[in-house]
Amino acid sequence: MSIGSNIKIFREEHKLTQEQVADKIGVTFQAVSSWERDAYKPDTDKLLRLAELFDVSLSALVEDKPKAFKTKDTIYNWEHMKTYVKTSAKALGLTNTLKALDFAVEAHNGQKRKKSDIPYIYHPLNLACHALAMSINDDDIIAACLLHDVIEDCEKKADDLPVNEKTKELVILLTHEKTNPTNRDTVMKAYYKAIKANPKAALIKCLDRCNNLTTMSWGLSRDRIFRMIRETEAYFPALLKSVKAVSEYNNAAWLLQYQIESTLDIYKRLM
């Protein structure tokens, strides 16, 4: 596809008119129209503004290639995942997990993943399924996977959680206060330092990051993706080291490291 065709596709995907695009980047709508008709090409400065406006890479605007791929927001149905977790928990005698499962589904009811119609419960269920698939059968870990966002995102308190104190402690560790550009570095350093000291919390956070990395292409802006990459490189090697220090988590740590590092490498090459 031509540059003009790419501009038109991204404009329509964002439900913008030519006039709105023109206004946002400081040109006339006639200029936008001429670009889309390939009568003229925007200069480098305008291409950069268009990429920022559409939240895409510069190469996505200028490369002449067919849009040949279809993407999926999810792979598994969350209700099937719930059934898998419940069946596994019953078979393994994971009483905290069974209590946490129903609580998490109710707490996240009506919530959606960013920029999608995917029920939010898909995310904590993904963590629980990921852990079980790696033979992590620890009741506290699976239960905390399911509950890790309920304090932060659902206005719940630790005392509300229907689980034991060890699981509550993990959920508290995995919860951080709201941040802003001024305090974010300070908050996140303290947050990750506390998690690193607890191998179970570190394991859950690595599971959380694996799932968030796989979905950030459609859920985050380019600036947030860059921030996610930098944050992952800054903090997760130490978390993985904490997980590896527990012999029974060695295989899981290797798989998590592979997924995190390979996903980061893919994003870096595409960004």
Protein backbone atom coordinates (compact mmCIF):
# COMPACT_ATOMS: atom_id res chain seq x y z
CA MET A 1 0.00 0.00 0.00
CA SER A 2 1.06 3.59 -0.62
CA ILE A 3 1.69 6.23 2.05
CA GLY A 4 -1.62 7.83 1.12
CA SER A 5 -3.50 4.57 1.49
CA ASN A 6 -1.85 3.97 4.88
CA ILE A 7 -2.82 7.44 6.09
CA LYS A 8 -6.42 6.89 5.05
CA ILE A 9 -6.59 3.47 6.74
CA PHE A 10 -5.23 4.79 10.05
CA ARG A 11 -7.44 7.89 9.89
CA GLU A 12 -10.55 5.78 9.40
CA GLU A 13 -9.51 3.33 12.11
CA HIS A 14 -9.35 6.28 14.51
CA LYS A 15 -12.72 7.56 13.22
CA LEU A 16 -11.24 10.92 12.25
CA THR A 17 -12.23 13.17 9.35
CA GLN A 18 -9.66 14.77 7.08
CA GLU A 19 -10.51 18.09 8.71
CA GLN A 20 -9.84 16.70 12.18
CA VAL A 21 -6.50 15.25 11.15
CA ALA A 22 -5.55 18.53 9.50
CA ASP A 23 -6.43 20.49 12.62
CA LYS A 24 -4.44 18.20 14.92
CA ILE A 25 -1.22 18.36 12.89
CA GLY A 26 -1.47 21.96 11.68
CA VAL A 27 -2.23 21.70 7.97
CA THR A 28 -5.23 22.26 5.71
CA PHE A 29 -7.70 19.48 5.02
CA GLN A 30 -6.78 19.89 1.33
CA ALA A 31 -3.25 18.79 2.24
CA VAL A 32 -4.56 15.66 3.96
CA SER A 33 -6.77 14.94 0.97
CA SER A 34 -3.83 15.31 -1.43
CA TRP A 35 -1.75 12.92 0.70
CA GLU A 36 -4.47 10.29 0.72
CA ARG A 37 -4.82 10.60 -3.07
CA ASP A 38 -1.03 10.26 -3.39
CA ALA A 39 -0.94 13.56 -5.24
CA TYR A 40 1.70 14.73 -2.76
CA LYS A 41 3.69 13.14 0.05
CA PRO A 42 3.90 14.68 3.52
CA ASP A 43 7.33 15.90 4.58
CA THR A 44 9.22 14.21 7.43
CA ASP A 45 7.89 16.56 10.11
CA LYS A 46 4.29 15.88 9.09
CA LEU A 47 4.91 12.12 8.91
CA LEU A 48 6.21 12.18 12.48
CA ARG A 49 3.11 14.09 13.61
CA LEU A 50 0.86 11.63 11.79
CA ALA A 51 2.63 8.66 13.42
CA GLU A 52 2.16 10.26 16.83
CA LEU A 53 -1.49 11.04 16.12
CA PHE A 54 -2.29 7.51 14.94
CA ASP A 55 -0.07 5.94 17.62
CA VAL A 56 1.87 3.86 15.07
CA SER A 57 5.49 3.56 13.99
CA LEU A 58 6.84 5.70 11.18
CA SER A 59 7.47 2.53 9.16
CA ALA A 60 3.80 1.61 9.46
CA LEU A 61 2.99 4.83 7.58
CA VAL A 62 5.62 4.73 4.87
CA GLU A 63 6.20 1.07 4.06
CA ASP A 64 4.53 -0.24 0.94
CA LYS A 65 3.20 -3.57 2.12
CA PRO A 66 -0.19 -5.25 2.18
CA LYS A 67 -2.14 -5.41 5.39
CA ALA A 68 -2.38 -9.17 5.09
CA PHE A 69 -2.61 -10.39 8.67
CA LYS A 70 -5.60 -10.84 10.91
CA THR A 71 -5.07 -10.55 14.65
CA LYS A 72 -6.81 -11.97 17.69
CA ASP A 73 -7.43 -10.18 20.97
CA THR A 74 -7.65 -13.44 22.91
CA ILE A 75 -6.89 -17.09 22.31
CA TYR A 76 -8.98 -18.75 25.00
CA ASN A 77 -12.50 -18.20 26.26
CA TRP A 78 -12.34 -16.95 29.85
CA GLU A 79 -15.15 -19.24 30.98
CA HIS A 80 -13.19 -22.26 29.72
CA MET A 81 -10.18 -20.96 31.63
CA LYS A 82 -12.29 -20.61 34.74
CA THR A 83 -13.46 -24.21 34.38
CA TYR A 84 -9.85 -25.39 33.98
CA VAL A 85 -8.73 -23.54 37.11
CA LYS A 86 -11.69 -24.78 39.15
CA THR A 87 -11.24 -28.38 38.01
CA SER A 88 -7.51 -28.27 38.72
CA ALA A 89 -8.03 -26.64 42.11
CA LYS A 90 -10.52 -29.31 43.16
CA ALA A 91 -8.21 -32.10 42.00
CA LEU A 92 -5.24 -30.60 43.85
CA GLY A 93 -7.15 -29.57 46.97
CA LEU A 94 -6.45 -25.85 46.51
CA THR A 95 -9.05 -24.42 48.89
CA ASN A 96 -7.83 -20.81 48.76
CA THR A 97 -7.87 -20.91 44.97
CA LEU A 98 -11.48 -22.07 44.88
CA LYS A 99 -12.51 -19.20 47.16
CA ALA A 100 -10.41 -16.69 45.23
CA LEU A 101 -11.81 -17.77 41.87
CA ASP A 102 -15.43 -16.82 42.52
CA PHE A 103 -14.38 -13.67 44.38
CA ALA A 104 -12.19 -12.49 41.48
CA VAL A 105 -14.88 -13.15 38.87
CA GLU A 106 -17.38 -11.10 40.87
CA ALA A 107 -14.90 -8.31 41.70
CA HIS A 108 -13.90 -7.80 38.06
CA ASN A 109 -17.45 -8.16 36.73
CA GLY A 110 -18.11 -5.54 34.06
CA GLN A 111 -14.46 -4.50 33.72
CA LYS A 112 -12.72 -4.68 30.34
CA ARG A 113 -9.09 -4.90 29.28
CA LYS A 114 -7.71 -1.61 27.94
CA LYS A 115 -8.94 -0.59 24.49
CA SER A 116 -10.93 -3.80 24.05
CA ASP A 117 -14.18 -5.57 24.83
CA ILE A 118 -12.35 -8.43 26.54
CA PRO A 119 -13.60 -9.12 30.09
CA TYR A 120 -10.84 -8.18 32.54
CA ILE A 121 -11.10 -11.52 34.32
CA TYR A 122 -9.30 -13.01 31.31
CA HIS A 123 -6.07 -11.52 32.68
CA PRO A 124 -5.93 -13.05 36.20
CA LEU A 125 -7.26 -16.33 34.81
CA ASN A 126 -4.44 -16.31 32.28
CA LEU A 127 -1.90 -16.00 35.11
CA ALA A 128 -3.48 -18.89 37.03
CA CYS A 129 -3.60 -21.12 33.94
CA HIS A 130 -0.02 -20.21 33.05
CA ALA A 131 1.17 -21.20 36.53
CA LEU A 132 -0.77 -24.47 36.55
CA ALA A 133 0.56 -25.34 33.09
CA MET A 134 4.09 -25.00 34.49
CA SER A 135 3.19 -27.36 37.37
CA ILE A 136 3.09 -24.57 39.93
CA ASN A 137 0.46 -26.09 42.22
CA ASP A 138 0.98 -23.85 45.25
CA ASP A 139 -2.42 -22.78 46.62
CA ASP A 140 -1.20 -19.36 47.75
CA ILE A 141 0.36 -18.59 44.37
CA ILE A 142 -2.64 -19.60 42.26
CA ALA A 143 -5.06 -17.77 44.55
CA ALA A 144 -2.90 -14.63 44.50
CA CYS A 145 -2.70 -14.80 40.70
CA LEU A 146 -6.49 -14.58 40.64
CA LEU A 147 -6.64 -11.76 43.18
CA HIS A 148 -3.55 -9.72 42.31
CA ASP A 149 -5.49 -6.75 40.88
CA VAL A 150 -8.62 -6.65 43.05
CA ILE A 151 -7.25 -4.22 45.65
CA GLU A 152 -5.70 -1.93 43.05
CA ASP A 153 -8.55 -1.98 40.52
CA CYS A 154 -11.73 -3.08 42.30
CA GLU A 155 -11.72 -0.96 45.47
CA LYS A 156 -11.36 -4.05 47.64
CA LYS A 157 -9.36 -4.23 50.87
CA ALA A 158 -7.09 -7.02 52.04
CA ASP A 159 -9.58 -7.87 54.80
CA ASP A 160 -12.25 -8.45 52.13
CA LEU A 161 -10.31 -11.29 50.52
CA PRO A 162 -11.68 -14.79 51.36
CA VAL A 163 -8.21 -16.35 51.66
CA ASN A 164 -5.51 -17.04 54.22
CA GLU A 165 -2.99 -14.49 55.48
CA LYS A 166 -0.14 -15.75 53.26
CA THR A 167 -2.21 -15.18 50.15
CA LYS A 168 -3.32 -11.76 51.38
CA GLU A 169 0.34 -10.84 51.94
CA LEU A 170 1.13 -11.73 48.31
CA VAL A 171 -1.77 -9.66 47.00
CA ILE A 172 -0.68 -6.69 49.12
CA LEU A 173 2.88 -6.96 47.79
CA LEU A 174 1.55 -7.03 44.22
CA THR A 175 -0.52 -3.88 44.77
CA HIS A 176 1.03 -0.45 44.32
CA GLU A 177 -0.34 3.03 44.89
CA LYS A 178 -1.42 5.23 42.02
CA THR A 179 1.48 7.02 40.39
CA ASN A 180 2.09 10.22 38.47
CA PRO A 181 5.10 11.46 36.47
CA THR A 182 6.57 13.02 39.61
CA ASN A 183 6.48 10.03 41.97
CA ARG A 184 6.44 7.04 39.60
CA ASP A 185 10.15 6.16 39.79
CA THR A 186 10.18 6.30 43.58
CA VAL A 187 6.99 4.26 43.93
CA MET A 188 8.05 1.60 41.44
CA LYS A 189 11.53 1.15 42.91
CA ALA A 190 10.04 0.47 46.33
CA TYR A 191 7.34 -1.75 44.81
CA TYR A 192 9.75 -4.00 42.92
CA LYS A 193 12.22 -4.11 45.82
CA ALA A 194 9.50 -5.54 48.08
CA ILE A 195 8.41 -8.07 45.48
CA LYS A 196 11.99 -9.21 44.86
CA ALA A 197 12.30 -10.19 48.52
CA ASN A 198 9.44 -12.70 48.16
CA PRO A 199 10.03 -15.42 45.50
CA LYS A 200 6.33 -16.28 45.28
CA ALA A 201 5.40 -12.65 44.65
CA ALA A 202 8.26 -12.39 42.13
CA LEU A 203 6.94 -15.44 40.29
CA ILE A 204 3.43 -14.00 40.10
CA LYS A 205 4.72 -10.62 38.92
CA CYS A 206 6.70 -12.33 36.14
CA LEU A 207 3.54 -14.18 35.08
CA ASP A 208 1.70 -10.86 35.14
CA ARG A 209 4.35 -9.21 33.00
CA CYS A 210 4.31 -12.05 30.46
CA ASN A 211 0.59 -11.60 29.89
CA ASN A 212 0.79 -7.81 29.80
CA LEU A 213 3.63 -7.89 27.27
CA THR A 214 1.63 -10.11 24.93
CA THR A 215 -1.35 -7.72 24.97
CA MET A 216 0.34 -4.30 25.09
CA SER A 217 0.39 -3.90 21.29
CA TRP A 218 -3.35 -3.18 21.30
CA GLY A 219 -3.80 -1.97 24.86
CA LEU A 220 -1.08 0.67 25.22
CA SER A 221 0.10 3.78 23.41
CA ARG A 222 3.60 3.85 21.90
CA ASP A 223 4.85 5.91 24.84
CA ARG A 224 3.46 3.38 27.29
CA ILE A 225 4.99 0.51 25.31
CA PHE A 226 8.40 2.19 25.49
CA ARG A 227 7.90 2.68 29.23
CA MET A 228 6.89 -0.97 29.64
CA ILE A 229 10.02 -2.13 27.81
CA ARG A 230 12.30 0.08 29.92
CA GLU A 231 10.59 -0.95 33.16
CA THR A 232 10.82 -4.64 32.30
CA GLU A 233 14.53 -4.40 31.53
CA ALA A 234 15.17 -2.43 34.71
CA TYR A 235 13.36 -4.61 37.25
CA PHE A 236 12.61 -8.09 35.96
CA PRO A 237 16.12 -9.59 35.84
CA ALA A 238 16.19 -9.24 39.64
CA LEU A 239 12.73 -10.79 39.97
CA LEU A 240 13.73 -13.75 37.80
CA LYS A 241 16.85 -14.21 39.91
CA SER A 242 14.65 -14.35 43.01
CA VAL A 243 12.44 -17.00 41.38
CA LYS A 244 15.45 -19.06 40.26
CA ALA A 245 16.77 -19.12 43.83
CA VAL A 246 13.94 -21.55 44.70
CA SER A 247 14.84 -24.93 43.21
CA GLU A 248 11.26 -26.02 42.61
CA TYR A 249 10.68 -22.90 40.47
CA ASN A 250 13.77 -23.34 38.25
CA ASN A 251 11.90 -24.65 35.20
CA ALA A 252 9.24 -21.98 35.52
CA ALA A 253 11.91 -19.28 35.82
CA TRP A 254 13.60 -20.43 32.63
CA LEU A 255 10.33 -20.42 30.69
CA LEU A 256 9.35 -17.01 32.06
CA GLN A 257 12.73 -15.52 31.23
CA TYR A 258 12.54 -16.90 27.70
CA GLN A 259 9.05 -15.49 27.14
CA ILE A 260 9.84 -12.07 28.60
CA GLU A 261 13.14 -11.60 26.76
CA SER A 262 11.94 -12.95 23.40
CA THR A 263 8.78 -10.82 23.51
CA LEU A 264 10.82 -7.72 24.34
CA ASP A 265 13.17 -8.44 21.45
CA ILE A 266 10.25 -8.74 19.02
CA TYR A 267 8.80 -5.41 20.15
CA LYS A 268 12.18 -3.68 19.90
CA ARG A 269 12.65 -4.84 16.33
CA LEU A 270 9.15 -3.78 15.30
CA MET A 271 9.18 -0.46 17.13
